[in-house]
């Protein structure tokens, strides 16, 4: 396992970095993950802009429905569940060459176009502490998604599956690229963070319906359609 990424900024277009955001979210599942992994952070997102007005990750679609998720566009408001409580984040800026940047941005555009097929990989999340998982096309946990982008850009070993990397692995790998660590409220940014519908409540039967539907679709995609 690599200790840190061996990144040379020579001949790099450092005006095109990719930002990796580690966060300690206030969800119950987030707290459980931190206890199980003994890690300060439980969630990862990526962004092309240090203002974090548009981040990408694999997470729940609605705050009220934890087991229905996929590829999402999010802001840090989701981390705090729109509450007046502070959390800790870590921001790492990875300089990319033009070719690396294009590979990452093209893949994210692909996920946007096929968003309905990009399911949150519950199997990878459940087996995450064991470095195990099930490889399902375009379906990841948040850490698996971040790992896949690093694999695409050539910074991680493509012989390993994205689900084999843990959040602490990526923290260690990106340590030399850290540009901020501390309270979210103290992070200096411009632009407004908005979440239009994420916090809307859902009825219990809708929560159950969406959760069961997500699991059925994931099983079908993993074991039947392939």
C-alpha atoms as a PDB file:
ATOM      1  CA  UNK A   1       0.000   0.000   0.000  1.00  0.00           C
ATOM      2  CA  UNK A   2       1.279   3.416  -0.957  1.00  0.00           C
ATOM      3  CA  UNK A   3       1.937   5.809   1.934  1.00  0.00           C
ATOM      4  CA  UNK A   4       1.409   9.059   0.043  1.00  0.00           C
ATOM      5  CA  UNK A   5       0.847   9.904  -3.588  1.00  0.00           C
ATOM      6  CA  UNK A   6       4.062  10.507  -5.495  1.00  0.00           C
ATOM      7  CA  UNK A   7       2.957  13.678  -7.281  1.00  0.00           C
ATOM      8  CA  UNK A   8       5.246  15.981  -9.185  1.00  0.00           C
ATOM      9  CA  UNK A   9       3.826  19.412  -9.993  1.00  0.00           C
ATOM     10  CA  UNK A  10       6.361  19.887 -12.787  1.00  0.00           C
ATOM     11  CA  UNK A  11       4.682  20.155 -16.205  1.00  0.00           C
ATOM     12  CA  UNK A  12       1.288  20.086 -14.458  1.00  0.00           C
ATOM     13  CA  UNK A  13      -1.465  22.561 -15.145  1.00  0.00           C
ATOM     14  CA  UNK A  14      -2.086  23.413 -11.492  1.00  0.00           C
ATOM     15  CA  UNK A  15      -4.982  25.653 -12.479  1.00  0.00           C
ATOM     16  CA  UNK A  16      -6.960  22.397 -12.827  1.00  0.00           C
ATOM     17  CA  UNK A  17      -6.875  20.672  -9.455  1.00  0.00           C
ATOM     18  CA  UNK A  18      -9.360  18.102  -8.195  1.00  0.00           C
ATOM     19  CA  UNK A  19     -10.479  18.692  -4.611  1.00  0.00           C
ATOM     20  CA  UNK A  20     -11.138  15.790  -2.260  1.00  0.00           C
ATOM     21  CA  UNK A  21     -13.316  16.608   0.742  1.00  0.00           C
ATOM     22  CA  UNK A  22     -13.334  14.424   3.858  1.00  0.00           C
ATOM     23  CA  UNK A  23     -16.184  15.164   6.286  1.00  0.00           C
ATOM     24  CA  UNK A  24     -17.629  13.988   9.597  1.00  0.00           C
ATOM     25  CA  UNK A  25     -21.339  14.119   8.861  1.00  0.00           C
ATOM     26  CA  UNK A  26     -24.082  14.312  11.498  1.00  0.00           C
ATOM     27  CA  UNK A  27     -26.116  11.351  10.244  1.00  0.00           C
ATOM     28  CA  UNK A  28     -26.604   8.329  12.505  1.00  0.00           C
ATOM     29  CA  UNK A  29     -24.998   6.103   9.890  1.00  0.00           C
ATOM     30  CA  UNK A  30     -22.044   8.489   9.723  1.00  0.00           C
ATOM     31  CA  UNK A  31     -21.540   8.214  13.472  1.00  0.00           C
ATOM     32  CA  UNK A  32     -21.668   4.414  13.288  1.00  0.00           C
ATOM     33  CA  UNK A  33     -19.097   4.376  10.476  1.00  0.00           C
ATOM     34  CA  UNK A  34     -16.720   6.533  12.520  1.00  0.00           C
ATOM     35  CA  UNK A  35     -17.047   4.207  15.510  1.00  0.00           C
ATOM     36  CA  UNK A  36     -16.461   1.075  13.403  1.00  0.00           C
ATOM     37  CA  UNK A  37     -13.542   2.500  11.407  1.00  0.00           C
ATOM     38  CA  UNK A  38     -12.003   4.498  14.310  1.00  0.00           C
ATOM     39  CA  UNK A  39     -11.659   7.372  11.854  1.00  0.00           C
ATOM     40  CA  UNK A  40     -12.515  11.039  12.292  1.00  0.00           C
ATOM     41  CA  UNK A  41     -14.200  11.179   8.879  1.00  0.00           C
ATOM     42  CA  UNK A  42     -16.911   9.031   7.339  1.00  0.00           C
ATOM     43  CA  UNK A  43     -17.770  10.712   4.024  1.00  0.00           C
ATOM     44  CA  UNK A  44     -15.928  11.809   0.888  1.00  0.00           C
ATOM     45  CA  UNK A  45     -16.843  14.144  -1.952  1.00  0.00           C
ATOM     46  CA  UNK A  46     -14.948  15.653  -4.871  1.00  0.00           C
ATOM     47  CA  UNK A  47     -15.147  19.096  -6.476  1.00  0.00           C
ATOM     48  CA  UNK A  48     -13.500  21.135  -9.221  1.00  0.00           C
ATOM     49  CA  UNK A  49     -14.030  24.383  -7.282  1.00  0.00           C
ATOM     50  CA  UNK A  50     -12.556  25.187  -3.827  1.00  0.00           C
ATOM     51  CA  UNK A  51     -15.754  27.111  -2.954  1.00  0.00           C
ATOM     52  CA  UNK A  52     -17.513  23.713  -2.803  1.00  0.00           C
ATOM     53  CA  UNK A  53     -20.710  25.058  -4.357  1.00  0.00           C
ATOM     54  CA  UNK A  54     -20.947  21.925  -6.489  1.00  0.00           C
ATOM     55  CA  UNK A  55     -19.521  18.687  -5.141  1.00  0.00           C
ATOM     56  CA  UNK A  56     -20.001  15.136  -6.397  1.00  0.00           C
ATOM     57  CA  UNK A  57     -20.290  11.954  -4.417  1.00  0.00           C
ATOM     58  CA  UNK A  58     -22.266   8.761  -3.876  1.00  0.00           C
ATOM     59  CA  UNK A  59     -24.749   9.278  -1.076  1.00  0.00           C
ATOM     60  CA  UNK A  60     -28.455   9.297  -0.198  1.00  0.00           C
ATOM     61  CA  UNK A  61     -30.791  11.266  -2.465  1.00  0.00           C
ATOM     62  CA  UNK A  62     -32.926  12.539   0.421  1.00  0.00           C
ATOM     63  CA  UNK A  63     -31.977  13.092   4.056  1.00  0.00           C
ATOM     64  CA  UNK A  64     -35.015  11.098   5.192  1.00  0.00           C
ATOM     65  CA  UNK A  65     -34.193   8.010   3.080  1.00  0.00           C
ATOM     66  CA  UNK A  66     -30.763   6.651   4.080  1.00  0.00           C
ATOM     67  CA  UNK A  67     -30.891   3.458   1.992  1.00  0.00           C
ATOM     68  CA  UNK A  68     -31.801   5.001  -1.356  1.00  0.00           C
ATOM     69  CA  UNK A  69     -28.778   6.654  -2.891  1.00  0.00           C
ATOM     70  CA  UNK A  70     -26.502   7.018  -5.851  1.00  0.00           C
ATOM     71  CA  UNK A  71     -24.458   9.573  -7.730  1.00  0.00           C
ATOM     72  CA  UNK A  72     -25.348  12.996  -6.321  1.00  0.00           C
ATOM     73  CA  UNK A  73     -24.449  16.651  -6.573  1.00  0.00           C
ATOM     74  CA  UNK A  74     -24.187  18.096  -3.070  1.00  0.00           C
ATOM     75  CA  UNK A  75     -23.030  21.002  -0.921  1.00  0.00           C
ATOM     76  CA  UNK A  76     -21.630  21.016   2.645  1.00  0.00           C
ATOM     77  CA  UNK A  77     -25.132  21.813   3.969  1.00  0.00           C
ATOM     78  CA  UNK A  78     -25.842  18.096   3.691  1.00  0.00           C
ATOM     79  CA  UNK A  79     -22.989  17.282   6.064  1.00  0.00           C
ATOM     80  CA  UNK A  80     -24.675  19.180   8.925  1.00  0.00           C
ATOM     81  CA  UNK A  81     -28.229  18.102   8.008  1.00  0.00           C
ATOM     82  CA  UNK A  82     -28.992  21.818   7.792  1.00  0.00           C
ATOM     83  CA  UNK A  83     -28.546  22.128  11.567  1.00  0.00           C
ATOM     84  CA  UNK A  84     -26.657  24.850  13.400  1.00  0.00           C
ATOM     85  CA  UNK A  85     -23.928  22.447  14.445  1.00  0.00           C
ATOM     86  CA  UNK A  86     -20.348  22.481  13.315  1.00  0.00           C
ATOM     87  CA  UNK A  87     -18.428  19.583  11.832  1.00  0.00           C
ATOM     88  CA  UNK A  88     -14.843  18.935  10.832  1.00  0.00           C
ATOM     89  CA  UNK A  89     -13.685  18.684   7.246  1.00  0.00           C
ATOM     90  CA  UNK A  90     -10.395  18.099   5.470  1.00  0.00           C
ATOM     91  CA  UNK A  91      -9.739  19.480   1.993  1.00  0.00           C
ATOM     92  CA  UNK A  92      -7.011  18.111  -0.285  1.00  0.00           C
ATOM     93  CA  UNK A  93      -6.125  19.617  -3.683  1.00  0.00           C
ATOM     94  CA  UNK A  94      -4.686  17.184  -6.214  1.00  0.00           C
ATOM     95  CA  UNK A  95      -3.004  18.891  -9.223  1.00  0.00           C
ATOM     96  CA  UNK A  96      -3.980  17.236 -12.511  1.00  0.00           C
ATOM     97  CA  UNK A  97      -2.485  17.331 -15.973  1.00  0.00           C
ATOM     98  CA  UNK A  98      -4.785  18.204 -18.860  1.00  0.00           C
ATOM     99  CA  UNK A  99      -5.120  14.515 -19.737  1.00  0.00           C
ATOM    100  CA  UNK A 100      -5.858  13.485 -16.139  1.00  0.00           C
ATOM    101  CA  UNK A 101      -8.366  16.295 -15.707  1.00  0.00           C
ATOM    102  CA  UNK A 102     -10.169  15.315 -18.906  1.00  0.00           C
ATOM    103  CA  UNK A 103     -10.405  11.659 -17.868  1.00  0.00           C
ATOM    104  CA  UNK A 104     -11.972  12.599 -14.520  1.00  0.00           C
ATOM    105  CA  UNK A 105     -14.341  15.237 -15.875  1.00  0.00           C
ATOM    106  CA  UNK A 106     -15.474  12.988 -18.745  1.00  0.00           C
ATOM    107  CA  UNK A 107     -16.280  10.183 -16.338  1.00  0.00           C
ATOM    108  CA  UNK A 108     -18.262  12.531 -14.102  1.00  0.00           C
ATOM    109  CA  UNK A 109     -20.184  13.733 -17.171  1.00  0.00           C
ATOM    110  CA  UNK A 110     -20.869  10.075 -18.016  1.00  0.00           C
ATOM    111  CA  UNK A 111     -22.290   9.544 -14.510  1.00  0.00           C
ATOM    112  CA  UNK A 112     -24.469  12.642 -14.885  1.00  0.00           C
ATOM    113  CA  UNK A 113     -25.912  11.317 -18.152  1.00  0.00           C
ATOM    114  CA  UNK A 114     -26.646   7.906 -16.619  1.00  0.00           C
ATOM    115  CA  UNK A 115     -27.503   9.061 -13.108  1.00  0.00           C
ATOM    116  CA  UNK A 116     -30.549   6.800 -12.772  1.00  0.00           C
ATOM    117  CA  UNK A 117     -28.272   3.756 -13.230  1.00  0.00           C
ATOM    118  CA  UNK A 118     -25.606   4.978 -10.776  1.00  0.00           C
ATOM    119  CA  UNK A 119     -26.698   3.294  -7.545  1.00  0.00           C
ATOM    120  CA  UNK A 120     -25.136   3.609  -4.113  1.00  0.00           C
ATOM    121  CA  UNK A 121     -23.279   0.329  -3.553  1.00  0.00           C
ATOM    122  CA  UNK A 122     -24.638  -0.881  -0.202  1.00  0.00           C
ATOM    123  CA  UNK A 123     -22.556  -4.070  -0.459  1.00  0.00           C
ATOM    124  CA  UNK A 124     -19.307  -2.111  -0.749  1.00  0.00           C
ATOM    125  CA  UNK A 125     -20.329   0.141   2.149  1.00  0.00           C
ATOM    126  CA  UNK A 126     -21.292  -2.781   4.411  1.00  0.00           C
ATOM    127  CA  UNK A 127     -18.065  -4.685   3.688  1.00  0.00           C
ATOM    128  CA  UNK A 128     -15.902  -1.545   3.696  1.00  0.00           C
ATOM    129  CA  UNK A 129     -14.133  -2.241   7.047  1.00  0.00           C
ATOM    130  CA  UNK A 130     -13.019  -5.642   5.658  1.00  0.00           C
ATOM    131  CA  UNK A 131     -11.664  -4.152   2.405  1.00  0.00           C
ATOM    132  CA  UNK A 132     -14.231  -6.330   0.607  1.00  0.00           C
ATOM    133  CA  UNK A 133     -17.111  -5.567  -1.719  1.00  0.00           C
ATOM    134  CA  UNK A 134     -18.930  -6.409  -4.919  1.00  0.00           C
ATOM    135  CA  UNK A 135     -17.872  -4.679  -8.117  1.00  0.00           C
ATOM    136  CA  UNK A 136     -20.933  -3.155  -9.814  1.00  0.00           C
ATOM    137  CA  UNK A 137     -20.580  -0.898 -12.845  1.00  0.00           C
ATOM    138  CA  UNK A 138     -20.891   2.820 -12.008  1.00  0.00           C
ATOM    139  CA  UNK A 139     -22.089   1.950  -8.488  1.00  0.00           C
ATOM    140  CA  UNK A 140     -19.898   2.922  -5.532  1.00  0.00           C
ATOM    141  CA  UNK A 141     -19.757   4.010  -1.954  1.00  0.00           C
ATOM    142  CA  UNK A 142     -18.460   7.551  -1.469  1.00  0.00           C
ATOM    143  CA  UNK A 143     -14.935   6.250  -0.800  1.00  0.00           C
ATOM    144  CA  UNK A 144     -15.119   3.838  -3.726  1.00  0.00           C
ATOM    145  CA  UNK A 145     -16.093   6.718  -6.010  1.00  0.00           C
ATOM    146  CA  UNK A 146     -13.141   8.846  -4.870  1.00  0.00           C
ATOM    147  CA  UNK A 147     -10.836   5.842  -5.294  1.00  0.00           C
ATOM    148  CA  UNK A 148     -12.165   5.204  -8.803  1.00  0.00           C
ATOM    149  CA  UNK A 149     -11.326   8.764  -9.854  1.00  0.00           C
ATOM    150  CA  UNK A 150      -7.778   8.310  -8.525  1.00  0.00           C
ATOM    151  CA  UNK A 151      -7.515   5.038 -10.457  1.00  0.00           C
ATOM    152  CA  UNK A 152      -8.794   6.707 -13.644  1.00  0.00           C
ATOM    153  CA  UNK A 153      -6.254   9.514 -13.289  1.00  0.00           C
ATOM    154  CA  UNK A 154      -3.467   6.976 -12.812  1.00  0.00           C
ATOM    155  CA  UNK A 155      -2.638   7.728  -9.161  1.00  0.00           C
ATOM    156  CA  UNK A 156      -3.802   4.391  -7.759  1.00  0.00           C
ATOM    157  CA  UNK A 157      -3.113   0.817  -8.801  1.00  0.00           C
ATOM    158  CA  UNK A 158      -5.700  -0.246 -11.387  1.00  0.00           C
ATOM    159  CA  UNK A 159      -5.179  -3.909 -10.382  1.00  0.00           C
ATOM    160  CA  UNK A 160      -7.059  -3.181  -7.157  1.00  0.00           C
ATOM    161  CA  UNK A 161     -10.794  -2.586  -7.034  1.00  0.00           C
ATOM    162  CA  UNK A 162     -12.019   0.802  -5.880  1.00  0.00           C
ATOM    163  CA  UNK A 163     -13.860  -0.765  -2.922  1.00  0.00           C
ATOM    164  CA  UNK A 164     -10.589  -2.178  -1.558  1.00  0.00           C
ATOM    165  CA  UNK A 165      -9.456   1.287  -0.444  1.00  0.00           C
ATOM    166  CA  UNK A 166     -10.645   2.666   2.894  1.00  0.00           C
ATOM    167  CA  UNK A 167     -11.153   6.286   3.850  1.00  0.00           C
ATOM    168  CA  UNK A 168      -8.039   6.162   6.024  1.00  0.00           C
ATOM    169  CA  UNK A 169      -6.075   4.821   3.022  1.00  0.00           C
ATOM    170  CA  UNK A 170      -7.086   7.869   0.985  1.00  0.00           C
ATOM    171  CA  UNK A 171      -6.381  10.233   3.872  1.00  0.00           C
ATOM    172  CA  UNK A 172      -2.859   8.872   4.061  1.00  0.00           C
ATOM    173  CA  UNK A 173      -2.403   8.944   0.298  1.00  0.00           C
ATOM    174  CA  UNK A 174      -3.536  12.571   0.007  1.00  0.00           C
ATOM    175  CA  UNK A 175      -1.867  13.893   3.165  1.00  0.00           C
ATOM    176  CA  UNK A 176       0.753  15.894   1.248  1.00  0.00           C
ATOM    177  CA  UNK A 177      -2.031  17.631  -0.688  1.00  0.00           C
ATOM    178  CA  UNK A 178      -3.966  18.903   2.325  1.00  0.00           C
ATOM    179  CA  UNK A 179      -4.853  22.604   2.079  1.00  0.00           C
ATOM    180  CA  UNK A 180      -7.345  22.874   4.949  1.00  0.00           C
ATOM    181  CA  UNK A 181      -8.430  20.891   7.984  1.00  0.00           C
ATOM    182  CA  UNK A 182     -10.734  22.242  10.640  1.00  0.00           C
ATOM    183  CA  UNK A 183     -14.265  23.392  11.310  1.00  0.00           C
ATOM    184  CA  UNK A 184     -16.592  23.769   8.353  1.00  0.00           C
ATOM    185  CA  UNK A 185     -17.790  27.135   9.728  1.00  0.00           C
ATOM    186  CA  UNK A 186     -14.227  28.474   9.561  1.00  0.00           C
ATOM    187  CA  UNK A 187     -13.550  27.392   5.983  1.00  0.00           C
ATOM    188  CA  UNK A 188     -13.053  30.503   3.853  1.00  0.00           C
ATOM    189  CA  UNK A 189     -15.153  30.307   0.708  1.00  0.00           C
ATOM    190  CA  UNK A 190     -17.171  32.485  -1.638  1.00  0.00           C
ATOM    191  CA  UNK A 191     -20.480  31.589  -3.225  1.00  0.00           C
ATOM    192  CA  UNK A 192     -23.678  30.361  -1.623  1.00  0.00           C
ATOM    193  CA  UNK A 193     -24.403  26.781  -0.618  1.00  0.00           C
ATOM    194  CA  UNK A 194     -27.963  25.706  -1.468  1.00  0.00           C
ATOM    195  CA  UNK A 195     -29.953  22.500  -1.195  1.00  0.00           C
ATOM    196  CA  UNK A 196     -33.371  22.750  -2.835  1.00  0.00           C
ATOM    197  CA  UNK A 197     -35.110  19.480  -1.940  1.00  0.00           C
ATOM    198  CA  UNK A 198     -32.684  17.292   0.021  1.00  0.00           C
ATOM    199  CA  UNK A 199     -34.241  18.070   3.407  1.00  0.00           C
ATOM    200  CA  UNK A 200     -37.881  17.624   2.409  1.00  0.00           C
ATOM    201  CA  UNK A 201     -39.648  15.079   4.678  1.00  0.00           C
ATOM    202  CA  UNK A 202     -40.946  11.766   3.343  1.00  0.00           C
ATOM    203  CA  UNK A 203     -43.790   9.547   4.535  1.00  0.00           C
ATOM    204  CA  UNK A 204     -42.810   6.227   6.095  1.00  0.00           C
ATOM    205  CA  UNK A 205     -44.254   4.109   3.274  1.00  0.00           C
ATOM    206  CA  UNK A 206     -42.287   6.157   0.714  1.00  0.00           C
ATOM    207  CA  UNK A 207     -39.081   5.626   2.707  1.00  0.00           C
ATOM    208  CA  UNK A 208     -39.735   1.871   2.844  1.00  0.00           C
ATOM    209  CA  UNK A 209     -40.696   1.718  -0.832  1.00  0.00           C
ATOM    210  CA  UNK A 210     -37.604   3.582  -2.012  1.00  0.00           C
ATOM    211  CA  UNK A 211     -35.281   1.547   0.231  1.00  0.00           C
ATOM    212  CA  UNK A 212     -36.641  -1.817  -0.955  1.00  0.00           C
ATOM    213  CA  UNK A 213     -36.631  -0.664  -4.587  1.00  0.00           C
ATOM    214  CA  UNK A 214     -32.995   0.414  -4.303  1.00  0.00           C
ATOM    215  CA  UNK A 215     -31.937  -2.961  -2.880  1.00  0.00           C
ATOM    216  CA  UNK A 216     -33.812  -4.891  -5.584  1.00  0.00           C
ATOM    217  CA  UNK A 217     -32.261  -2.785  -8.359  1.00  0.00           C
ATOM    218  CA  UNK A 218     -28.789  -3.190  -6.858  1.00  0.00           C
ATOM    219  CA  UNK A 219     -29.140  -6.994  -6.583  1.00  0.00           C
ATOM    220  CA  UNK A 220     -30.432  -7.161 -10.159  1.00  0.00           C
ATOM    221  CA  UNK A 221     -27.566  -5.044 -11.444  1.00  0.00           C
ATOM    222  CA  UNK A 222     -24.950  -7.016  -9.495  1.00  0.00           C
ATOM    223  CA  UNK A 223     -26.071 -10.610  -9.940  1.00  0.00           C
ATOM    224  CA  UNK A 224     -28.568 -10.836 -12.806  1.00  0.00           C
ATOM    225  CA  UNK A 225     -27.797  -8.217 -15.430  1.00  0.00           C
ATOM    226  CA  UNK A 226     -24.080  -8.183 -14.547  1.00  0.00           C
END
